[in-house]
C-alpha cells in the first residue's frame, strides 16, 4: 500500500464543523472600502473634483481623469518630490457638419453659361489679335497667289 504524507493513498481526512467555525472566526472581516475610480479603455473615471484630488499619482507623472458627473477633465500631475497639482478643463460637445455640405459642387465645376461667356471672350480676343497682327492682310495675299 502506498503512503502519501503518512496517510494511505486515497485517504481524505474529515473536517469537523467545529474546526470550520474556528477558522472562520480567525479570518479578518472585510470592511466596506471607498468607491474606487473605474478604468474603461484607458480612461479613468472619477466622481467629482474631490475624487480627482484624492486620486493617487506617482511622483514625476501626469494622468487625465474624466469626471462622470460633469463635462470636466482633470489633469493631475506630480513633480519630482510628489507634490500634486491639478488643472481643470471644461469641455462641450458640438455637432460636426457633414463633409458633403462643406464642398459645394458649384465651386469646382463650370456651368454651361460660364463656358459660353468664355467662348465669346475668346472669339472677341481672337478677332482683335488678328486685326492687330495684320493677319487679314497675310490671308488676302496668300489667297491672291
Protein backbone atom coordinates (compact mmCIF):
# COMPACT_ATOMS: atom_id res chain seq x y z
CA UNK A 1 0.00 0.00 0.00
CA UNK A 2 1.36 3.45 -1.00
CA UNK A 3 1.56 6.21 1.59
CA UNK A 4 1.32 9.95 0.94
CA UNK A 5 2.35 12.23 3.82
CA UNK A 6 1.87 9.36 6.29
CA UNK A 7 -1.65 8.63 5.00
CA UNK A 8 -2.67 5.74 2.72
CA UNK A 9 -3.35 6.66 -0.94
CA UNK A 10 -6.92 7.80 -1.47
CA UNK A 11 -7.39 8.79 2.21
CA UNK A 12 -9.19 12.07 2.74
CA UNK A 13 -9.26 13.49 6.25
CA UNK A 14 -12.63 14.54 7.63
CA UNK A 15 -13.16 18.09 8.69
CA UNK A 16 -15.30 18.70 11.68
CA UNK A 17 -17.72 21.64 11.79
CA UNK A 18 -16.09 22.96 14.95
CA UNK A 19 -12.81 23.45 13.12
CA UNK A 20 -14.54 25.34 10.27
CA UNK A 21 -16.22 27.67 12.74
CA UNK A 22 -12.93 28.36 14.46
CA UNK A 23 -11.21 29.04 11.14
CA UNK A 24 -13.97 31.46 10.10
CA UNK A 25 -13.65 33.35 13.38
CA UNK A 26 -9.93 33.85 12.80
CA UNK A 27 -10.40 35.32 9.31
CA UNK A 28 -10.38 39.13 9.13
CA UNK A 29 -13.70 40.73 8.29
CA UNK A 30 -13.97 42.63 5.01
CA UNK A 31 -14.89 46.26 5.55
CA UNK A 32 -16.63 48.47 3.02
CA UNK A 33 -13.98 50.28 1.02
CA UNK A 34 -14.41 53.71 -0.54
CA UNK A 35 -15.51 53.68 -4.14
CA UNK A 36 -12.59 53.22 -6.50
CA UNK A 37 -12.37 55.04 -9.85
CA UNK A 38 -13.41 52.99 -12.85
CA UNK A 39 -10.94 52.41 -15.67
CA UNK A 40 -12.54 51.72 -19.06
CA UNK A 41 -10.48 51.56 -22.25
CA UNK A 42 -7.65 53.51 -20.64
CA UNK A 43 -9.98 56.30 -19.46
CA UNK A 44 -10.05 56.82 -15.70
CA UNK A 45 -13.48 57.97 -14.49
CA UNK A 46 -13.83 59.80 -11.18
CA UNK A 47 -16.86 61.27 -9.43
CA UNK A 48 -16.27 64.96 -8.94
CA UNK A 49 -13.35 67.19 -8.10
CA UNK A 50 -12.87 65.71 -4.63
CA UNK A 51 -12.31 62.24 -6.11
CA UNK A 52 -9.84 63.68 -8.63
CA UNK A 53 -7.90 65.41 -5.85
CA UNK A 54 -7.74 62.21 -3.80
CA UNK A 55 -6.63 60.05 -6.75
CA UNK A 56 -3.10 58.75 -6.02
CA UNK A 57 -0.38 59.59 -8.52
CA UNK A 58 3.29 58.66 -8.74
CA UNK A 59 5.96 61.37 -8.50
CA UNK A 60 7.04 62.95 -11.79
CA UNK A 61 3.95 61.77 -13.72
CA UNK A 62 0.67 63.04 -15.07
CA UNK A 63 -2.74 61.43 -15.63
CA UNK A 64 -6.04 62.64 -17.18
CA UNK A 65 -9.11 61.94 -15.04
CA UNK A 66 -12.59 62.17 -16.59
CA UNK A 67 -15.49 63.31 -14.43
CA UNK A 68 -18.50 61.00 -14.71
CA UNK A 69 -20.87 63.65 -13.32
CA UNK A 70 -19.91 66.72 -15.39
CA UNK A 71 -18.22 67.66 -18.68
CA UNK A 72 -14.85 68.10 -16.99
CA UNK A 73 -11.39 66.58 -17.41
CA UNK A 74 -8.91 66.88 -14.55
CA UNK A 75 -5.21 66.67 -15.41
CA UNK A 76 -3.45 65.65 -12.25
CA UNK A 77 0.34 65.97 -12.20
CA UNK A 78 3.01 65.46 -9.59
CA UNK A 79 6.51 66.93 -9.57
CA UNK A 80 9.70 65.05 -8.66
CA UNK A 81 9.05 65.43 -4.95
CA UNK A 82 5.50 64.04 -5.35
CA UNK A 83 3.68 67.35 -4.79
CA UNK A 84 0.42 67.09 -6.79
CA UNK A 85 -1.25 69.81 -8.84
CA UNK A 86 -4.47 69.72 -10.80
CA UNK A 87 -5.68 71.50 -13.95
CA UNK A 88 -9.40 71.54 -14.70
CA UNK A 89 -10.63 71.54 -18.29
CA UNK A 90 -14.29 72.05 -19.20
CA UNK A 91 -15.42 70.56 -22.49
CA UNK A 92 -18.55 70.85 -24.59
CA UNK A 93 -19.95 68.62 -27.29
CA UNK A 94 -20.63 70.03 -30.74
CA UNK A 95 -22.16 68.67 -33.90
CA UNK A 96 -19.90 68.14 -36.89
CA UNK A 97 -21.28 69.28 -40.25
CA UNK A 98 -21.38 66.53 -42.87
CA UNK A 99 -18.46 66.60 -45.26
CA UNK A 100 -20.70 66.80 -48.33
CA UNK A 101 -22.10 70.14 -47.12
CA UNK A 102 -18.60 71.63 -46.85
CA UNK A 103 -17.77 71.08 -50.54
CA UNK A 104 -20.05 72.87 -52.96
CA UNK A 105 -20.24 71.24 -56.41
CA UNK A 106 -20.60 74.70 -58.00
CA UNK A 107 -17.20 75.82 -56.69
CA UNK A 108 -15.25 73.10 -58.53
CA UNK A 109 -17.07 72.94 -61.89
CA UNK A 110 -18.02 75.45 -64.59
CA UNK A 111 -21.60 75.74 -65.79
CA UNK A 112 -22.69 75.90 -69.43
CA UNK A 113 -23.29 79.63 -69.05
CA UNK A 114 -19.72 80.11 -67.79
CA UNK A 115 -18.36 78.24 -70.82
CA UNK A 116 -20.46 80.24 -73.33
CA UNK A 117 -19.24 83.53 -71.80
CA UNK A 118 -15.63 82.30 -72.10
CA UNK A 119 -16.20 81.29 -75.76
CA UNK A 120 -17.46 84.79 -76.58
CA UNK A 121 -14.49 86.43 -74.84
CA UNK A 122 -12.02 84.14 -76.65
CA UNK A 123 -13.57 84.83 -80.07
CA UNK A 124 -13.50 88.60 -79.48
CA UNK A 125 -9.86 88.44 -78.33
CA UNK A 126 -9.01 86.29 -81.35
CA UNK A 127 -10.50 88.83 -83.76
CA UNK A 128 -8.69 91.70 -82.02
CA UNK A 129 -5.40 89.80 -82.23
CA UNK A 130 -5.86 89.12 -85.95
CA UNK A 131 -6.57 92.79 -86.65
CA UNK A 132 -3.54 93.94 -84.68
CA UNK A 133 -1.12 91.46 -86.22
CA UNK A 134 -2.27 92.07 -89.74
CA UNK A 135 -3.46 88.54 -90.15
CA UNK A 136 -6.16 89.68 -92.57
CA UNK A 137 -3.58 91.14 -94.99
CA UNK A 138 -1.47 87.98 -94.96
CA UNK A 139 -4.55 85.88 -95.52
CA UNK A 140 -5.54 88.04 -98.52
CA UNK A 141 -2.03 87.83 -100.02
CA UNK A 142 -1.99 84.05 -99.67
CA UNK A 143 -5.44 83.75 -101.25
CA UNK A 144 -4.43 86.01 -104.21
CA UNK A 145 -1.36 83.99 -105.18
